[in-house]
Amino acid sequence: MKENWKESTYDPLLQDANWIEKREEVLKRDDYKCRYCGDNTKLEVHHIFYMVDKLPWQYPDKLLITLCSECHSRWHKLYGIEYCSNTGKPLTLYVSGRPRKY
């Protein structure tokens, strides 16, 4: 997986009306608070991992979480950017290009 995948193809999708609606649903579900620290400012909806065959709004709710920008940044520093390829085999997450099996 290329690190620039998200930058080149994913970020523009976050402007789509479908994502904006899904994002609002997740924020509301999480009571407009960061699920880690409880802050209610600079909120972002984090995809726990990226699925290369799904659009941002096609993820199940359980794979989306509200984080403040600080916790979101911290998450990516700790875990990198995770990509999922699901081909009927065990789930593989790619963290900074290195596969991990789950």
N, C-alpha and C. Protein backbone atom coordinates (compact mmCIF):
# COMPACT_ATOMS: atom_id res chain seq x y z
N MET A 1 0.84 -1.19 0.00
CA MET A 1 0.00 0.00 0.00
C MET A 1 0.88 1.25 0.00
N LYS A 2 0.48 2.21 -0.75
CA LYS A 2 1.23 3.45 -0.81
C LYS A 2 0.72 4.42 0.24
N GLU A 3 1.64 5.11 0.89
CA GLU A 3 1.26 6.07 1.93
C GLU A 3 0.43 7.21 1.35
N ASN A 4 0.61 7.55 0.08
CA ASN A 4 -0.12 8.68 -0.48
C ASN A 4 -1.51 8.30 -0.96
N TRP A 5 -1.93 7.07 -0.78
CA TRP A 5 -3.26 6.63 -1.18
C TRP A 5 -4.33 7.54 -0.59
N LYS A 6 -4.26 7.80 0.71
CA LYS A 6 -5.26 8.63 1.36
C LYS A 6 -5.24 10.04 0.82
N GLU A 7 -4.06 10.62 0.70
CA GLU A 7 -3.95 12.00 0.25
C GLU A 7 -4.49 12.18 -1.16
N SER A 8 -4.19 11.26 -2.04
CA SER A 8 -4.53 11.46 -3.44
C SER A 8 -5.97 11.08 -3.79
N THR A 9 -6.57 10.15 -3.07
CA THR A 9 -7.90 9.69 -3.46
C THR A 9 -8.93 9.78 -2.35
N TYR A 10 -8.52 9.83 -1.12
CA TYR A 10 -9.46 9.74 -0.01
C TYR A 10 -9.92 11.10 0.47
N ASP A 11 -9.00 12.02 0.67
CA ASP A 11 -9.36 13.32 1.24
C ASP A 11 -10.44 14.05 0.45
N PRO A 12 -10.42 14.06 -0.89
CA PRO A 12 -11.51 14.74 -1.61
C PRO A 12 -12.89 14.14 -1.32
N LEU A 13 -12.95 12.86 -0.99
CA LEU A 13 -14.23 12.22 -0.69
C LEU A 13 -14.85 12.75 0.61
N LEU A 14 -14.03 13.33 1.47
CA LEU A 14 -14.53 13.85 2.74
C LEU A 14 -15.34 15.14 2.56
N GLN A 15 -15.38 15.65 1.34
CA GLN A 15 -16.22 16.81 1.03
C GLN A 15 -17.59 16.39 0.50
N ASP A 16 -17.78 15.11 0.26
CA ASP A 16 -19.02 14.59 -0.31
C ASP A 16 -20.16 14.69 0.71
N ALA A 17 -21.36 14.99 0.23
CA ALA A 17 -22.54 15.12 1.10
C ALA A 17 -22.82 13.84 1.88
N ASN A 18 -22.54 12.68 1.28
CA ASN A 18 -22.74 11.40 1.99
C ASN A 18 -21.85 11.30 3.22
N TRP A 19 -20.57 11.72 3.08
CA TRP A 19 -19.66 11.68 4.23
C TRP A 19 -20.08 12.70 5.28
N ILE A 20 -20.46 13.89 4.84
CA ILE A 20 -20.86 14.94 5.78
C ILE A 20 -22.04 14.45 6.62
N GLU A 21 -22.98 13.76 6.00
CA GLU A 21 -24.14 13.22 6.73
C GLU A 21 -23.70 12.10 7.70
N LYS A 22 -22.86 11.19 7.24
CA LYS A 22 -22.39 10.09 8.08
C LYS A 22 -21.59 10.63 9.27
N ARG A 23 -20.73 11.61 8.99
CA ARG A 23 -19.91 12.23 10.03
C ARG A 23 -20.81 12.81 11.12
N GLU A 24 -21.86 13.52 10.72
CA GLU A 24 -22.77 14.12 11.68
C GLU A 24 -23.46 13.05 12.53
N GLU A 25 -23.83 11.92 11.93
CA GLU A 25 -24.45 10.82 12.67
C GLU A 25 -23.51 10.30 13.75
N VAL A 26 -22.22 10.16 13.40
CA VAL A 26 -21.24 9.64 14.36
C VAL A 26 -21.00 10.66 15.48
N LEU A 27 -20.86 11.92 15.13
CA LEU A 27 -20.69 12.96 16.15
C LEU A 27 -21.87 12.96 17.12
N LYS A 28 -23.07 12.86 16.59
CA LYS A 28 -24.26 12.84 17.44
C LYS A 28 -24.26 11.61 18.34
N ARG A 29 -23.95 10.43 17.75
CA ARG A 29 -23.90 9.19 18.53
C ARG A 29 -22.94 9.32 19.71
N ASP A 30 -21.81 10.00 19.48
CA ASP A 30 -20.78 10.15 20.50
C ASP A 30 -20.98 11.40 21.35
N ASP A 31 -22.17 11.99 21.27
CA ASP A 31 -22.56 13.14 22.08
C ASP A 31 -21.62 14.33 21.88
N TYR A 32 -21.08 14.46 20.67
CA TYR A 32 -20.21 15.58 20.31
C TYR A 32 -19.05 15.73 21.28
N LYS A 33 -18.46 14.59 21.66
CA LYS A 33 -17.30 14.58 22.56
C LYS A 33 -16.28 13.57 22.08
N CYS A 34 -15.01 13.88 22.32
CA CYS A 34 -13.93 12.94 22.03
C CYS A 34 -14.12 11.70 22.89
N ARG A 35 -14.06 10.54 22.27
CA ARG A 35 -14.27 9.29 23.01
C ARG A 35 -13.11 8.98 23.94
N TYR A 36 -11.95 9.63 23.77
CA TYR A 36 -10.82 9.39 24.67
C TYR A 36 -10.74 10.40 25.80
N CYS A 37 -10.74 11.68 25.46
CA CYS A 37 -10.50 12.68 26.51
C CYS A 37 -11.74 13.47 26.91
N GLY A 38 -12.83 13.36 26.15
CA GLY A 38 -14.07 14.04 26.48
C GLY A 38 -14.15 15.48 25.99
N ASP A 39 -13.10 15.97 25.33
CA ASP A 39 -13.11 17.33 24.80
C ASP A 39 -14.23 17.47 23.78
N ASN A 40 -14.77 18.68 23.66
CA ASN A 40 -15.85 18.88 22.70
C ASN A 40 -15.49 19.94 21.64
N THR A 41 -14.20 20.17 21.45
CA THR A 41 -13.75 21.12 20.43
C THR A 41 -12.87 20.41 19.41
N LYS A 42 -12.82 20.97 18.22
CA LYS A 42 -11.99 20.45 17.13
C LYS A 42 -12.21 18.96 16.91
N LEU A 43 -13.47 18.56 16.80
CA LEU A 43 -13.82 17.15 16.68
C LEU A 43 -13.65 16.65 15.25
N GLU A 44 -13.18 15.42 15.14
CA GLU A 44 -12.98 14.74 13.88
C GLU A 44 -13.54 13.33 14.01
N VAL A 45 -14.00 12.77 12.92
CA VAL A 45 -14.45 11.39 12.94
C VAL A 45 -13.33 10.55 12.34
N HIS A 46 -12.84 9.63 13.14
CA HIS A 46 -11.70 8.79 12.79
C HIS A 46 -12.17 7.43 12.29
N HIS A 47 -11.60 7.01 11.16
CA HIS A 47 -11.80 5.64 10.68
C HIS A 47 -10.75 4.78 11.39
N ILE A 48 -11.18 3.80 12.12
CA ILE A 48 -10.25 2.97 12.90
C ILE A 48 -9.22 2.33 11.98
N PHE A 49 -9.64 1.92 10.80
CA PHE A 49 -8.71 1.57 9.73
C PHE A 49 -9.40 1.86 8.41
N TYR A 50 -8.59 1.99 7.37
CA TYR A 50 -9.12 2.30 6.04
C TYR A 50 -9.34 1.02 5.26
N MET A 51 -10.48 0.94 4.63
CA MET A 51 -10.83 -0.20 3.80
C MET A 51 -10.76 0.26 2.34
N VAL A 52 -9.84 -0.31 1.58
CA VAL A 52 -9.59 0.19 0.23
C VAL A 52 -10.77 -0.01 -0.71
N ASP A 53 -11.70 -0.87 -0.36
CA ASP A 53 -12.85 -1.12 -1.23
C ASP A 53 -14.12 -0.41 -0.75
N LYS A 54 -13.99 0.52 0.20
CA LYS A 54 -15.16 1.24 0.73
C LYS A 54 -14.95 2.75 0.61
N LEU A 55 -16.04 3.45 0.38
CA LEU A 55 -16.02 4.90 0.44
C LEU A 55 -16.17 5.31 1.90
N PRO A 56 -15.74 6.50 2.28
CA PRO A 56 -15.73 6.88 3.70
C PRO A 56 -17.07 6.67 4.41
N TRP A 57 -18.16 6.91 3.73
CA TRP A 57 -19.49 6.80 4.34
C TRP A 57 -20.05 5.38 4.31
N GLN A 58 -19.34 4.43 3.72
CA GLN A 58 -19.81 3.06 3.62
C GLN A 58 -19.33 2.18 4.77
N TYR A 59 -18.59 2.74 5.70
CA TYR A 59 -18.07 1.98 6.83
C TYR A 59 -19.18 1.70 7.84
N PRO A 60 -19.13 0.55 8.49
CA PRO A 60 -20.06 0.33 9.61
C PRO A 60 -19.76 1.33 10.73
N ASP A 61 -20.77 1.74 11.44
CA ASP A 61 -20.59 2.72 12.52
C ASP A 61 -19.56 2.28 13.54
N LYS A 62 -19.45 0.98 13.78
CA LYS A 62 -18.51 0.50 14.81
C LYS A 62 -17.05 0.75 14.42
N LEU A 63 -16.78 1.10 13.16
CA LEU A 63 -15.41 1.39 12.72
C LEU A 63 -15.12 2.88 12.67
N LEU A 64 -16.05 3.69 13.18
CA LEU A 64 -15.90 5.14 13.21
C LEU A 64 -15.97 5.62 14.65
N ILE A 65 -15.12 6.58 15.00
CA ILE A 65 -15.08 7.07 16.37
C ILE A 65 -14.79 8.57 16.35
N THR A 66 -15.43 9.30 17.27
CA THR A 66 -15.18 10.74 17.40
C THR A 66 -13.95 10.95 18.26
N LEU A 67 -13.02 11.74 17.71
CA LEU A 67 -11.81 12.11 18.44
C LEU A 67 -11.58 13.61 18.26
N CYS A 68 -11.00 14.25 19.27
CA CYS A 68 -10.56 15.63 19.08
C CYS A 68 -9.31 15.58 18.21
N SER A 69 -8.93 16.70 17.63
CA SER A 69 -7.80 16.70 16.72
C SER A 69 -6.51 16.24 17.40
N GLU A 70 -6.34 16.57 18.70
CA GLU A 70 -5.15 16.14 19.43
C GLU A 70 -5.10 14.62 19.59
N CYS A 71 -6.20 14.03 20.02
CA CYS A 71 -6.25 12.56 20.19
C CYS A 71 -6.15 11.86 18.84
N HIS A 72 -6.73 12.46 17.80
CA HIS A 72 -6.65 11.87 16.46
C HIS A 72 -5.20 11.84 16.00
N SER A 73 -4.50 12.93 16.19
CA SER A 73 -3.08 13.00 15.82
C SER A 73 -2.28 11.98 16.63
N ARG A 74 -2.56 11.90 17.92
CA ARG A 74 -1.87 10.95 18.80
C ARG A 74 -2.11 9.50 18.33
N TRP A 75 -3.35 9.19 17.94
CA TRP A 75 -3.69 7.85 17.45
C TRP A 75 -2.79 7.48 16.28
N HIS A 76 -2.69 8.39 15.30
CA HIS A 76 -1.90 8.08 14.11
C HIS A 76 -0.41 8.00 14.41
N LYS A 77 0.07 8.75 15.38
CA LYS A 77 1.48 8.65 15.78
C LYS A 77 1.75 7.29 16.41
N LEU A 78 0.80 6.79 17.20
CA LEU A 78 0.97 5.50 17.87
C LEU A 78 0.79 4.32 16.92
N TYR A 79 -0.21 4.39 16.06
CA TYR A 79 -0.61 3.23 15.26
C TYR A 79 -0.37 3.38 13.77
N GLY A 80 0.05 4.55 13.32
CA GLY A 80 0.24 4.76 11.90
C GLY A 80 -1.11 4.86 11.21
N ILE A 81 -1.09 4.66 9.92
CA ILE A 81 -2.31 4.65 9.13
C ILE A 81 -2.54 3.22 8.72
N GLU A 82 -3.67 2.67 9.09
CA GLU A 82 -3.95 1.27 8.84
C GLU A 82 -4.89 1.11 7.65
N TYR A 83 -4.55 0.19 6.77
CA TYR A 83 -5.36 -0.13 5.61
C TYR A 83 -5.79 -1.58 5.72
N CYS A 84 -6.97 -1.85 5.28
CA CYS A 84 -7.51 -3.20 5.35
C CYS A 84 -7.73 -3.73 3.95
N SER A 85 -7.30 -4.95 3.72
CA SER A 85 -7.62 -5.65 2.48
C SER A 85 -8.33 -6.91 2.90
N ASN A 86 -9.57 -7.06 2.51
CA ASN A 86 -10.34 -8.22 2.93
C ASN A 86 -10.75 -9.00 1.69
N THR A 87 -10.09 -10.11 1.48
CA THR A 87 -10.33 -10.92 0.27
C THR A 87 -10.88 -12.29 0.65
N GLY A 88 -11.56 -12.38 1.77
CA GLY A 88 -12.07 -13.66 2.21
C GLY A 88 -11.07 -14.42 3.06
N LYS A 89 -9.84 -13.94 3.10
CA LYS A 89 -8.80 -14.52 3.95
C LYS A 89 -8.83 -13.76 5.27
N PRO A 90 -8.02 -14.19 6.25
CA PRO A 90 -7.98 -13.43 7.51
C PRO A 90 -7.67 -11.96 7.23
N LEU A 91 -8.25 -11.10 8.04
CA LEU A 91 -8.08 -9.67 7.89
C LEU A 91 -6.61 -9.30 8.02
N THR A 92 -6.13 -8.49 7.10
CA THR A 92 -4.77 -7.99 7.16
C THR A 92 -4.82 -6.48 7.24
N LEU A 93 -4.16 -5.92 8.23
CA LEU A 93 -4.01 -4.48 8.33
C LEU A 93 -2.59 -4.12 7.94
N TYR A 94 -2.46 -3.06 7.17
CA TYR A 94 -1.15 -2.60 6.76
C TYR A 94 -0.82 -1.34 7.54
N VAL A 95 0.18 -1.44 8.39
CA VAL A 95 0.58 -0.31 9.21
C VAL A 95 1.91 0.16 8.66
N SER A 96 1.90 1.36 8.11
CA SER A 96 3.10 1.92 7.49
C SER A 96 3.72 0.90 6.53
N GLY A 97 2.87 0.22 5.76
CA GLY A 97 3.34 -0.72 4.75
C GLY A 97 3.67 -2.11 5.25
N ARG A 98 3.63 -2.33 6.56
CA ARG A 98 3.95 -3.65 7.10
C ARG A 98 2.66 -4.36 7.47
N PRO A 99 2.41 -5.56 6.94
CA PRO A 99 1.15 -6.25 7.26
C PRO A 99 1.13 -6.80 8.68
N ARG A 100 -0.03 -6.73 9.31
CA ARG A 100 -0.28 -7.37 10.60
C ARG A 100 -1.54 -8.19 10.43
N LYS A 101 -1.53 -9.41 10.89
CA LYS A 101 -2.71 -10.29 10.79
C LYS A 101 -3.53 -10.16 12.07
N TYR A 102 -4.84 -10.18 11.92
CA TYR A 102 -5.75 -10.14 13.08
C TYR A 102 -6.74 -11.25 12.96
